[in-house]
PDB file of N, CA and C in Angstrom:
ATOM      1  N   UNK A   1      -4.081  12.005  -5.606  1.00  0.00           N
ATOM      2  CA  UNK A   1      -4.143  10.565  -5.760  1.00  0.00           C
ATOM      3  C   UNK A   1      -5.013  10.234  -6.973  1.00  0.00           C
ATOM      4  N   UNK A   2      -4.601   9.223  -7.676  1.00  0.00           N
ATOM      5  CA  UNK A   2      -5.417   8.712  -8.780  1.00  0.00           C
ATOM      6  C   UNK A   2      -6.254   7.559  -8.236  1.00  0.00           C
ATOM      7  N   UNK A   3      -7.553   7.606  -8.440  1.00  0.00           N
ATOM      8  CA  UNK A   3      -8.464   6.592  -7.907  1.00  0.00           C
ATOM      9  C   UNK A   3      -8.820   5.588  -9.003  1.00  0.00           C
ATOM     10  N   UNK A   4      -8.555   4.317  -8.716  1.00  0.00           N
ATOM     11  CA  UNK A   4      -8.893   3.214  -9.615  1.00  0.00           C
ATOM     12  C   UNK A   4      -9.919   2.362  -8.859  1.00  0.00           C
ATOM     13  N   UNK A   5     -11.052   2.166  -9.179  1.00  0.00           N
ATOM     14  CA  UNK A   5     -11.786   2.474 -10.353  1.00  0.00           C
ATOM     15  C   UNK A   5     -13.061   3.216  -9.932  1.00  0.00           C
ATOM     16  N   UNK A   6     -13.235   4.362 -10.521  1.00  0.00           N
ATOM     17  CA  UNK A   6     -14.421   5.178 -10.227  1.00  0.00           C
ATOM     18  C   UNK A   6     -15.693   4.448 -10.653  1.00  0.00           C
ATOM     19  N   UNK A   7     -15.577   3.619 -11.649  1.00  0.00           N
ATOM     20  CA  UNK A   7     -16.733   2.858 -12.143  1.00  0.00           C
ATOM     21  C   UNK A   7     -17.355   2.018 -11.022  1.00  0.00           C
ATOM     22  N   UNK A   8     -16.536   1.448 -10.165  1.00  0.00           N
ATOM     23  CA  UNK A   8     -17.031   0.659  -9.034  1.00  0.00           C
ATOM     24  C   UNK A   8     -17.914   1.510  -8.133  1.00  0.00           C
ATOM     25  N   UNK A   9     -17.495   2.744  -7.899  1.00  0.00           N
ATOM     26  CA  UNK A   9     -18.282   3.656  -7.072  1.00  0.00           C
ATOM     27  C   UNK A   9     -19.611   3.975  -7.748  1.00  0.00           C
ATOM     28  N   UNK A  10     -19.565   4.244  -9.055  1.00  0.00           N
ATOM     29  CA  UNK A  10     -20.794   4.563  -9.805  1.00  0.00           C
ATOM     30  C   UNK A  10     -21.788   3.411  -9.767  1.00  0.00           C
ATOM     31  N   UNK A  11     -21.319   2.196  -9.960  1.00  0.00           N
ATOM     32  CA  UNK A  11     -22.207   1.035  -9.923  1.00  0.00           C
ATOM     33  C   UNK A  11     -22.866   0.908  -8.555  1.00  0.00           C
ATOM     34  N   UNK A  12     -22.099   1.211  -7.506  1.00  0.00           N
ATOM     35  CA  UNK A  12     -22.653   1.123  -6.166  1.00  0.00           C
ATOM     36  C   UNK A  12     -23.724   2.183  -5.932  1.00  0.00           C
ATOM     37  N   UNK A  13     -23.444   3.439  -6.324  1.00  0.00           N
ATOM     38  CA  UNK A  13     -24.434   4.469  -6.030  1.00  0.00           C
ATOM     39  C   UNK A  13     -25.676   4.351  -6.906  1.00  0.00           C
ATOM     40  N   UNK A  14     -25.592   3.623  -8.003  1.00  0.00           N
ATOM     41  CA  UNK A  14     -26.812   3.364  -8.780  1.00  0.00           C
ATOM     42  C   UNK A  14     -27.760   2.454  -8.007  1.00  0.00           C
ATOM     43  N   UNK A  15     -27.197   1.534  -7.222  1.00  0.00           N
ATOM     44  CA  UNK A  15     -28.008   0.644  -6.386  1.00  0.00           C
ATOM     45  C   UNK A  15     -28.405   1.312  -5.068  1.00  0.00           C
ATOM     46  N   UNK A  16     -27.578   2.250  -4.607  1.00  0.00           N
ATOM     47  CA  UNK A  16     -27.797   2.935  -3.328  1.00  0.00           C
ATOM     48  C   UNK A  16     -27.690   4.443  -3.560  1.00  0.00           C
ATOM     49  N   UNK A  17     -28.753   5.061  -4.066  1.00  0.00           N
ATOM     50  CA  UNK A  17     -28.707   6.483  -4.443  1.00  0.00           C
ATOM     51  C   UNK A  17     -28.275   7.438  -3.327  1.00  0.00           C
ATOM     52  N   UNK A  18     -28.513   7.083  -2.076  1.00  0.00           N
ATOM     53  CA  UNK A  18     -28.098   7.977  -0.982  1.00  0.00           C
ATOM     54  C   UNK A  18     -26.580   8.004  -0.817  1.00  0.00           C
ATOM     55  N   UNK A  19     -25.887   7.085  -1.442  1.00  0.00           N
ATOM     56  CA  UNK A  19     -24.425   7.061  -1.377  1.00  0.00           C
ATOM     57  C   UNK A  19     -23.783   7.940  -2.449  1.00  0.00           C
ATOM     58  N   UNK A  20     -24.559   8.376  -3.440  1.00  0.00           N
ATOM     59  CA  UNK A  20     -23.972   9.098  -4.573  1.00  0.00           C
ATOM     60  C   UNK A  20     -23.225  10.366  -4.154  1.00  0.00           C
ATOM     61  N   UNK A  21     -23.891  11.267  -3.482  1.00  0.00           N
ATOM     62  CA  UNK A  21     -23.245  12.537  -3.129  1.00  0.00           C
ATOM     63  C   UNK A  21     -22.050  12.349  -2.188  1.00  0.00           C
ATOM     64  N   UNK A  22     -22.170  11.524  -1.130  1.00  0.00           N
ATOM     65  CA  UNK A  22     -20.991  11.309  -0.274  1.00  0.00           C
ATOM     66  C   UNK A  22     -19.813  10.686  -1.018  1.00  0.00           C
ATOM     67  N   UNK A  23     -20.088   9.739  -1.930  1.00  0.00           N
ATOM     68  CA  UNK A  23     -18.997   9.122  -2.684  1.00  0.00           C
ATOM     69  C   UNK A  23     -18.378  10.102  -3.678  1.00  0.00           C
ATOM     70  N   UNK A  24     -19.200  10.924  -4.307  1.00  0.00           N
ATOM     71  CA  UNK A  24     -18.665  11.939  -5.218  1.00  0.00           C
ATOM     72  C   UNK A  24     -17.794  12.938  -4.460  1.00  0.00           C
ATOM     73  N   UNK A  25     -18.237  13.336  -3.284  1.00  0.00           N
ATOM     74  CA  UNK A  25     -17.450  14.285  -2.476  1.00  0.00           C
ATOM     75  C   UNK A  25     -16.126  13.653  -2.066  1.00  0.00           C
ATOM     76  N   UNK A  26     -16.172  12.397  -1.623  1.00  0.00           N
ATOM     77  CA  UNK A  26     -14.945  11.687  -1.247  1.00  0.00           C
ATOM     78  C   UNK A  26     -13.998  11.596  -2.437  1.00  0.00           C
ATOM     79  N   UNK A  27     -14.527  11.200  -3.592  1.00  0.00           N
ATOM     80  CA  UNK A  27     -13.718  11.065  -4.800  1.00  0.00           C
ATOM     81  C   UNK A  27     -13.050  12.391  -5.163  1.00  0.00           C
ATOM     82  N   UNK A  28     -13.802  13.467  -5.102  1.00  0.00           N
ATOM     83  CA  UNK A  28     -13.264  14.790  -5.442  1.00  0.00           C
ATOM     84  C   UNK A  28     -12.121  15.176  -4.506  1.00  0.00           C
ATOM     85  N   UNK A  29     -12.319  14.970  -3.218  1.00  0.00           N
ATOM     86  CA  UNK A  29     -11.284  15.317  -2.233  1.00  0.00           C
ATOM     87  C   UNK A  29     -10.032  14.474  -2.416  1.00  0.00           C
ATOM     88  N   UNK A  30     -10.223  13.172  -2.566  1.00  0.00           N
ATOM     89  CA  UNK A  30      -9.086  12.259  -2.675  1.00  0.00           C
ATOM     90  C   UNK A  30      -8.332  12.474  -3.981  1.00  0.00           C
ATOM     91  N   UNK A  31      -9.041  12.786  -5.055  1.00  0.00           N
ATOM     92  CA  UNK A  31      -8.390  13.024  -6.346  1.00  0.00           C
ATOM     93  C   UNK A  31      -7.433  14.210  -6.294  1.00  0.00           C
ATOM     94  N   UNK A  32      -7.680  15.125  -5.391  1.00  0.00           N
ATOM     95  CA  UNK A  32      -6.829  16.305  -5.271  1.00  0.00           C
ATOM     96  C   UNK A  32      -5.763  16.162  -4.179  1.00  0.00           C
ATOM     97  N   UNK A  33      -5.804  15.057  -3.451  1.00  0.00           N
ATOM     98  CA  UNK A  33      -4.868  14.854  -2.334  1.00  0.00           C
ATOM     99  C   UNK A  33      -3.527  14.320  -2.817  1.00  0.00           C
ATOM    100  N   UNK A  34      -2.515  14.592  -2.019  1.00  0.00           N
ATOM    101  CA  UNK A  34      -1.197  13.996  -2.194  1.00  0.00           C
ATOM    102  C   UNK A  34      -0.801  13.416  -0.849  1.00  0.00           C
ATOM    103  N   UNK A  35      -0.918  12.116  -0.726  1.00  0.00           N
ATOM    104  CA  UNK A  35      -0.617  11.448   0.537  1.00  0.00           C
ATOM    105  C   UNK A  35       0.693  10.694   0.420  1.00  0.00           C
ATOM    106  N   UNK A  36       1.550  10.863   1.403  1.00  0.00           N
ATOM    107  CA  UNK A  36       2.833  10.163   1.415  1.00  0.00           C
ATOM    108  C   UNK A  36       2.853   9.025   2.432  1.00  0.00           C
ATOM    109  N   UNK A  37       1.811   8.945   3.238  1.00  0.00           N
ATOM    110  CA  UNK A  37       1.731   7.879   4.232  1.00  0.00           C
ATOM    111  C   UNK A  37       0.415   7.938   4.979  1.00  0.00           C
ATOM    112  N   UNK A  38       0.179   6.955   5.848  1.00  0.00           N
ATOM    113  CA  UNK A  38      -1.077   6.888   6.595  1.00  0.00           C
ATOM    114  C   UNK A  38      -1.378   8.130   7.438  1.00  0.00           C
ATOM    115  N   UNK A  39      -0.363   8.775   7.944  1.00  0.00           N
ATOM    116  CA  UNK A  39      -0.588   9.976   8.765  1.00  0.00           C
ATOM    117  C   UNK A  39      -1.274  11.078   7.957  1.00  0.00           C
ATOM    118  N   UNK A  40      -0.956  11.180   6.684  1.00  0.00           N
ATOM    119  CA  UNK A  40      -1.606  12.178   5.824  1.00  0.00           C
ATOM    120  C   UNK A  40      -3.103  11.890   5.690  1.00  0.00           C
ATOM    121  N   UNK A  41      -3.435  10.625   5.560  1.00  0.00           N
ATOM    122  CA  UNK A  41      -4.849  10.246   5.455  1.00  0.00           C
ATOM    123  C   UNK A  41      -5.571  10.567   6.749  1.00  0.00           C
ATOM    124  N   UNK A  42      -4.957  10.232   7.878  1.00  0.00           N
ATOM    125  CA  UNK A  42      -5.591  10.471   9.174  1.00  0.00           C
ATOM    126  C   UNK A  42      -5.787  11.962   9.445  1.00  0.00           C
ATOM    127  N   UNK A  43      -4.921  12.795   8.915  1.00  0.00           N
ATOM    128  CA  UNK A  43      -5.102  14.244   9.075  1.00  0.00           C
ATOM    129  C   UNK A  43      -6.360  14.720   8.351  1.00  0.00           C
ATOM    130  N   UNK A  44      -6.642  14.132   7.200  1.00  0.00           N
ATOM    131  CA  UNK A  44      -7.819  14.521   6.422  1.00  0.00           C
ATOM    132  C   UNK A  44      -9.076  13.781   6.854  1.00  0.00           C
ATOM    133  N   UNK A  45      -8.921  12.533   7.247  1.00  0.00           N
ATOM    134  CA  UNK A  45     -10.057  11.670   7.599  1.00  0.00           C
ATOM    135  C   UNK A  45      -9.779  11.027   8.954  1.00  0.00           C
ATOM    136  N   UNK A  46     -10.136  11.728  10.010  1.00  0.00           N
ATOM    137  CA  UNK A  46      -9.867  11.249  11.378  1.00  0.00           C
ATOM    138  C   UNK A  46     -10.456   9.880  11.654  1.00  0.00           C
ATOM    139  N   UNK A  47     -11.601   9.586  11.064  1.00  0.00           N
ATOM    140  CA  UNK A  47     -12.288   8.335  11.369  1.00  0.00           C
ATOM    141  C   UNK A  47     -11.923   7.192  10.424  1.00  0.00           C
ATOM    142  N   UNK A  48     -10.996   7.441   9.525  1.00  0.00           N
ATOM    143  CA  UNK A  48     -10.538   6.368   8.650  1.00  0.00           C
ATOM    144  C   UNK A  48      -9.732   5.369   9.479  1.00  0.00           C
ATOM    145  N   UNK A  49      -9.843   4.108   9.119  1.00  0.00           N
ATOM    146  CA  UNK A  49      -9.082   3.060   9.813  1.00  0.00           C
ATOM    147  C   UNK A  49      -7.960   2.596   8.899  1.00  0.00           C
ATOM    148  N   UNK A  50      -6.743   2.727   9.378  1.00  0.00           N
ATOM    149  CA  UNK A  50      -5.581   2.287   8.613  1.00  0.00           C
ATOM    150  C   UNK A  50      -5.283   0.846   9.024  1.00  0.00           C
ATOM    151  N   UNK A  51      -5.267  -0.046   8.036  1.00  0.00           N
ATOM    152  CA  UNK A  51      -5.022  -1.461   8.274  1.00  0.00           C
ATOM    153  C   UNK A  51      -3.661  -1.858   7.723  1.00  0.00           C
ATOM    154  N   UNK A  52      -3.233  -3.063   8.050  1.00  0.00           N
ATOM    155  CA  UNK A  52      -1.968  -3.540   7.488  1.00  0.00           C
ATOM    156  C   UNK A  52      -2.127  -3.762   5.990  1.00  0.00           C
ATOM    157  N   UNK A  53      -1.016  -3.838   5.304  1.00  0.00           N
ATOM    158  CA  UNK A  53      -1.051  -4.057   3.857  1.00  0.00           C
ATOM    159  C   UNK A  53      -1.491  -2.845   3.067  1.00  0.00           C
ATOM    160  N   UNK A  54      -1.277  -1.652   3.617  1.00  0.00           N
ATOM    161  CA  UNK A  54      -1.632  -0.393   2.952  1.00  0.00           C
ATOM    162  C   UNK A  54      -3.118  -0.286   2.643  1.00  0.00           C
ATOM    163  N   UNK A  55      -3.945  -0.903   3.473  1.00  0.00           N
ATOM    164  CA  UNK A  55      -5.396  -0.807   3.321  1.00  0.00           C
ATOM    165  C   UNK A  55      -5.934   0.293   4.233  1.00  0.00           C
ATOM    166  N   UNK A  56      -6.977   0.952   3.754  1.00  0.00           N
ATOM    167  CA  UNK A  56      -7.639   1.999   4.539  1.00  0.00           C
ATOM    168  C   UNK A  56      -9.140   1.823   4.386  1.00  0.00           C
ATOM    169  N   UNK A  57      -9.865   1.961   5.490  1.00  0.00           N
ATOM    170  CA  UNK A  57     -11.315   1.881   5.487  1.00  0.00           C
ATOM    171  C   UNK A  57     -11.861   3.281   5.778  1.00  0.00           C
ATOM    172  N   UNK A  58     -12.692   3.779   4.870  1.00  0.00           N
ATOM    173  CA  UNK A  58     -13.329   5.087   5.030  1.00  0.00           C
ATOM    174  C   UNK A  58     -14.797   4.889   5.376  1.00  0.00           C
ATOM    175  N   UNK A  59     -15.293   5.702   6.299  1.00  0.00           N
ATOM    176  CA  UNK A  59     -16.721   5.759   6.609  1.00  0.00           C
ATOM    177  C   UNK A  59     -17.325   6.794   5.678  1.00  0.00           C
ATOM    178  N   UNK A  60     -18.342   6.399   4.951  1.00  0.00           N
ATOM    179  CA  UNK A  60     -18.957   7.268   3.948  1.00  0.00           C
ATOM    180  C   UNK A  60     -20.419   7.514   4.322  1.00  0.00           C
ATOM    181  N   UNK A  61     -20.863   8.736   4.137  1.00  0.00           N
ATOM    182  CA  UNK A  61     -22.273   9.057   4.348  1.00  0.00           C
ATOM    183  C   UNK A  61     -22.722   8.876   5.785  1.00  0.00           C
ATOM    184  N   UNK A  62     -21.952   9.422   6.723  1.00  0.00           N
ATOM    185  CA  UNK A  62     -22.333   9.300   8.121  1.00  0.00           C
ATOM    186  C   UNK A  62     -22.243   7.873   8.633  1.00  0.00           C
ATOM    187  N   UNK A  63     -21.276   7.122   8.117  1.00  0.00           N
ATOM    188  CA  UNK A  63     -21.020   5.737   8.518  1.00  0.00           C
ATOM    189  C   UNK A  63     -22.109   4.765   8.040  1.00  0.00           C
ATOM    190  N   UNK A  64     -22.893   5.170   7.050  1.00  0.00           N
ATOM    191  CA  UNK A  64     -23.886   4.261   6.464  1.00  0.00           C
ATOM    192  C   UNK A  64     -23.210   3.294   5.497  1.00  0.00           C
ATOM    193  N   UNK A  65     -22.096   3.735   4.925  1.00  0.00           N
ATOM    194  CA  UNK A  65     -21.387   2.942   3.924  1.00  0.00           C
ATOM    195  C   UNK A  65     -19.913   2.860   4.296  1.00  0.00           C
ATOM    196  N   UNK A  66     -19.264   1.818   3.795  1.00  0.00           N
ATOM    197  CA  UNK A  66     -17.833   1.639   4.018  1.00  0.00           C
ATOM    198  C   UNK A  66     -17.137   1.483   2.682  1.00  0.00           C
ATOM    199  N   UNK A  67     -15.946   2.028   2.626  1.00  0.00           N
ATOM    200  CA  UNK A  67     -15.122   1.985   1.427  1.00  0.00           C
ATOM    201  C   UNK A  67     -13.740   1.493   1.828  1.00  0.00           C
ATOM    202  N   UNK A  68     -13.296   0.399   1.231  1.00  0.00           N
ATOM    203  CA  UNK A  68     -11.976  -0.161   1.514  1.00  0.00           C
ATOM    204  C   UNK A  68     -11.104   0.079   0.294  1.00  0.00           C
ATOM    205  N   UNK A  69      -9.930   0.639   0.535  1.00  0.00           N
ATOM    206  CA  UNK A  69      -9.007   0.923  -0.558  1.00  0.00           C
ATOM    207  C   UNK A  69      -7.619   0.388  -0.225  1.00  0.00           C
ATOM    208  N   UNK A  70      -6.850   0.174  -1.255  1.00  0.00           N
ATOM    209  CA  UNK A  70      -5.423  -0.136  -1.120  1.00  0.00           C
ATOM    210  C   UNK A  70      -4.678   1.074  -1.665  1.00  0.00           C
ATOM    211  N   UNK A  71      -3.738   1.580  -0.911  1.00  0.00           N
ATOM    212  CA  UNK A  71      -3.023   2.793  -1.297  1.00  0.00           C
ATOM    213  C   UNK A  71      -1.582   2.462  -1.662  1.00  0.00           C
ATOM    214  N   UNK A  72      -1.170   2.928  -2.843  1.00  0.00           N
ATOM    215  CA  UNK A  72       0.230   2.855  -3.241  1.00  0.00           C
ATOM    216  C   UNK A  72       0.756   4.289  -3.200  1.00  0.00           C
ATOM    217  N   UNK A  73       1.397   4.620  -2.088  1.00  0.00           N
ATOM    218  CA  UNK A  73       1.842   5.993  -1.857  1.00  0.00           C
ATOM    219  C   UNK A  73       2.917   6.437  -2.841  1.00  0.00           C
ATOM    220  N   UNK A  74       3.805   5.520  -3.240  1.00  0.00           N
ATOM    221  CA  UNK A  74       4.932   5.913  -4.089  1.00  0.00           C
ATOM    222  C   UNK A  74       4.505   6.361  -5.480  1.00  0.00           C
ATOM    223  N   UNK A  75       3.417   5.797  -6.000  1.00  0.00           N
ATOM    224  CA  UNK A  75       2.935   6.184  -7.333  1.00  0.00           C
ATOM    225  C   UNK A  75       1.628   6.977  -7.272  1.00  0.00           C
ATOM    226  N   UNK A  76       1.159   7.257  -6.059  1.00  0.00           N
ATOM    227  CA  UNK A  76      -0.039   8.079  -5.847  1.00  0.00           C
ATOM    228  C   UNK A  76      -1.295   7.482  -6.488  1.00  0.00           C
ATOM    229  N   UNK A  77      -1.473   6.171  -6.275  1.00  0.00           N
ATOM    230  CA  UNK A  77      -2.662   5.490  -6.787  1.00  0.00           C
ATOM    231  C   UNK A  77      -3.405   4.840  -5.626  1.00  0.00           C
ATOM    232  N   UNK A  78      -4.712   4.975  -5.666  1.00  0.00           N
ATOM    233  CA  UNK A  78      -5.585   4.390  -4.663  1.00  0.00           C
ATOM    234  C   UNK A  78      -6.535   3.433  -5.386  1.00  0.00           C
ATOM    235  N   UNK A  79      -6.535   2.167  -4.994  1.00  0.00           N
ATOM    236  CA  UNK A  79      -7.351   1.145  -5.636  1.00  0.00           C
ATOM    237  C   UNK A  79      -8.588   0.854  -4.776  1.00  0.00           C
ATOM    238  N   UNK A  80      -9.767   1.011  -5.339  1.00  0.00           N
ATOM    239  CA  UNK A  80     -10.999   0.678  -4.625  1.00  0.00           C
ATOM    240  C   UNK A  80     -11.098  -0.845  -4.577  1.00  0.00           C
ATOM    241  N   UNK A  81     -11.145  -1.395  -3.357  1.00  0.00           N
ATOM    242  CA  UNK A  81     -11.227  -2.840  -3.175  1.00  0.00           C
ATOM    243  C   UNK A  81     -12.632  -3.288  -2.790  1.00  0.00           C
ATOM    244  N   UNK A  82     -13.394  -2.395  -2.130  1.00  0.00           N
ATOM    245  CA  UNK A  82     -14.740  -2.735  -1.677  1.00  0.00           C
ATOM    246  C   UNK A  82     -15.502  -1.458  -1.383  1.00  0.00           C
ATOM    247  N   UNK A  83     -16.757  -1.437  -1.763  1.00  0.00           N
ATOM    248  CA  UNK A  83     -17.675  -0.385  -1.333  1.00  0.00           C
ATOM    249  C   UNK A  83     -18.992  -1.085  -1.028  1.00  0.00           C
ATOM    250  N   UNK A  84     -19.538  -0.786   0.142  1.00  0.00           N
ATOM    251  CA  UNK A  84     -20.765  -1.469   0.522  1.00  0.00           C
ATOM    252  C   UNK A  84     -21.422  -0.831   1.723  1.00  0.00           C
ATOM    253  N   UNK A  85     -22.531  -1.413   2.093  1.00  0.00           N
ATOM    254  CA  UNK A  85     -23.226  -0.945   3.284  1.00  0.00           C
ATOM    255  C   UNK A  85     -22.450  -1.398   4.513  1.00  0.00           C
ATOM    256  N   UNK A  86     -22.815  -0.827   5.633  1.00  0.00           N
ATOM    257  CA  UNK A  86     -22.149  -1.195   6.882  1.00  0.00           C
ATOM    258  C   UNK A  86     -22.330  -2.682   7.161  1.00  0.00           C
ATOM    259  N   UNK A  87     -23.522  -3.211   6.899  1.00  0.00           N
ATOM    260  CA  UNK A  87     -23.783  -4.631   7.176  1.00  0.00           C
ATOM    261  C   UNK A  87     -23.007  -5.558   6.238  1.00  0.00           C
ATOM    262  N   UNK A  88     -22.865  -5.195   4.961  1.00  0.00           N
ATOM    263  CA  UNK A  88     -22.082  -6.052   4.061  1.00  0.00           C
ATOM    264  C   UNK A  88     -20.594  -5.963   4.383  1.00  0.00           C
ATOM    265  N   UNK A  89     -20.153  -4.824   4.881  1.00  0.00           N
ATOM    266  CA  UNK A  89     -18.753  -4.680   5.297  1.00  0.00           C
ATOM    267  C   UNK A  89     -18.436  -5.671   6.414  1.00  0.00           C
ATOM    268  N   UNK A  90     -19.382  -5.883   7.316  1.00  0.00           N
ATOM    269  CA  UNK A  90     -19.163  -6.808   8.434  1.00  0.00           C
ATOM    270  C   UNK A  90     -18.985  -8.244   7.971  1.00  0.00           C
ATOM    271  N   UNK A  91     -19.296  -8.540   6.734  1.00  0.00           N
ATOM    272  CA  UNK A  91     -19.190  -9.908   6.207  1.00  0.00           C
ATOM    273  C   UNK A  91     -17.876 -10.160   5.459  1.00  0.00           C
ATOM    274  N   UNK A  92     -17.033  -9.148   5.357  1.00  0.00           N
ATOM    275  CA  UNK A  92     -15.776  -9.317   4.616  1.00  0.00           C
ATOM    276  C   UNK A  92     -14.587  -9.182   5.554  1.00  0.00           C
ATOM    277  N   UNK A  93     -13.426  -9.576   5.067  1.00  0.00           N
ATOM    278  CA  UNK A  93     -12.172  -9.328   5.768  1.00  0.00           C
ATOM    279  C   UNK A  93     -11.452  -8.218   4.990  1.00  0.00           C
ATOM    280  N   UNK A  94     -11.490  -7.019   5.533  1.00  0.00           N
ATOM    281  CA  UNK A  94     -10.963  -5.851   4.832  1.00  0.00           C
ATOM    282  C   UNK A  94      -9.468  -5.959   4.527  1.00  0.00           C
ATOM    283  N   UNK A  95      -8.758  -6.777   5.279  1.00  0.00           N
ATOM    284  CA  UNK A  95      -7.328  -6.929   5.029  1.00  0.00           C
ATOM    285  C   UNK A  95      -7.041  -7.924   3.917  1.00  0.00           C
ATOM    286  N   UNK A  96      -8.053  -8.673   3.499  1.00  0.00           N
ATOM    287  CA  UNK A  96      -7.855  -9.692   2.466  1.00  0.00           C
ATOM    288  C   UNK A  96      -8.536  -9.388   1.149  1.00  0.00           C
ATOM    289  N   UNK A  97      -9.568  -8.563   1.179  1.00  0.00           N
ATOM    290  CA  UNK A  97     -10.353  -8.298  -0.026  1.00  0.00           C
ATOM    291  C   UNK A  97      -9.555  -7.499  -1.054  1.00  0.00           C
TER     292      UNK A  97
END
């Protein structure tokens, strides 16, 4: 999968240094993945939440952080829509962001 935009992740981990290594590990794994549908994601990330509209929520760093992405399976692109702490995640609508 191609991840758009890694810069968003970098900006976040500069503010939250404990998120750097978990986000880098996630990025590395996802960059090498080939997912054709939500079942592929669930096989790799059991605790990921698949939402409507091709959205997926990943728990990062032992569930300290949340990452919301939009996945376009046909072109193998994953768009970062939100990265934040667990508390800031509770303030958004992951299906709309």
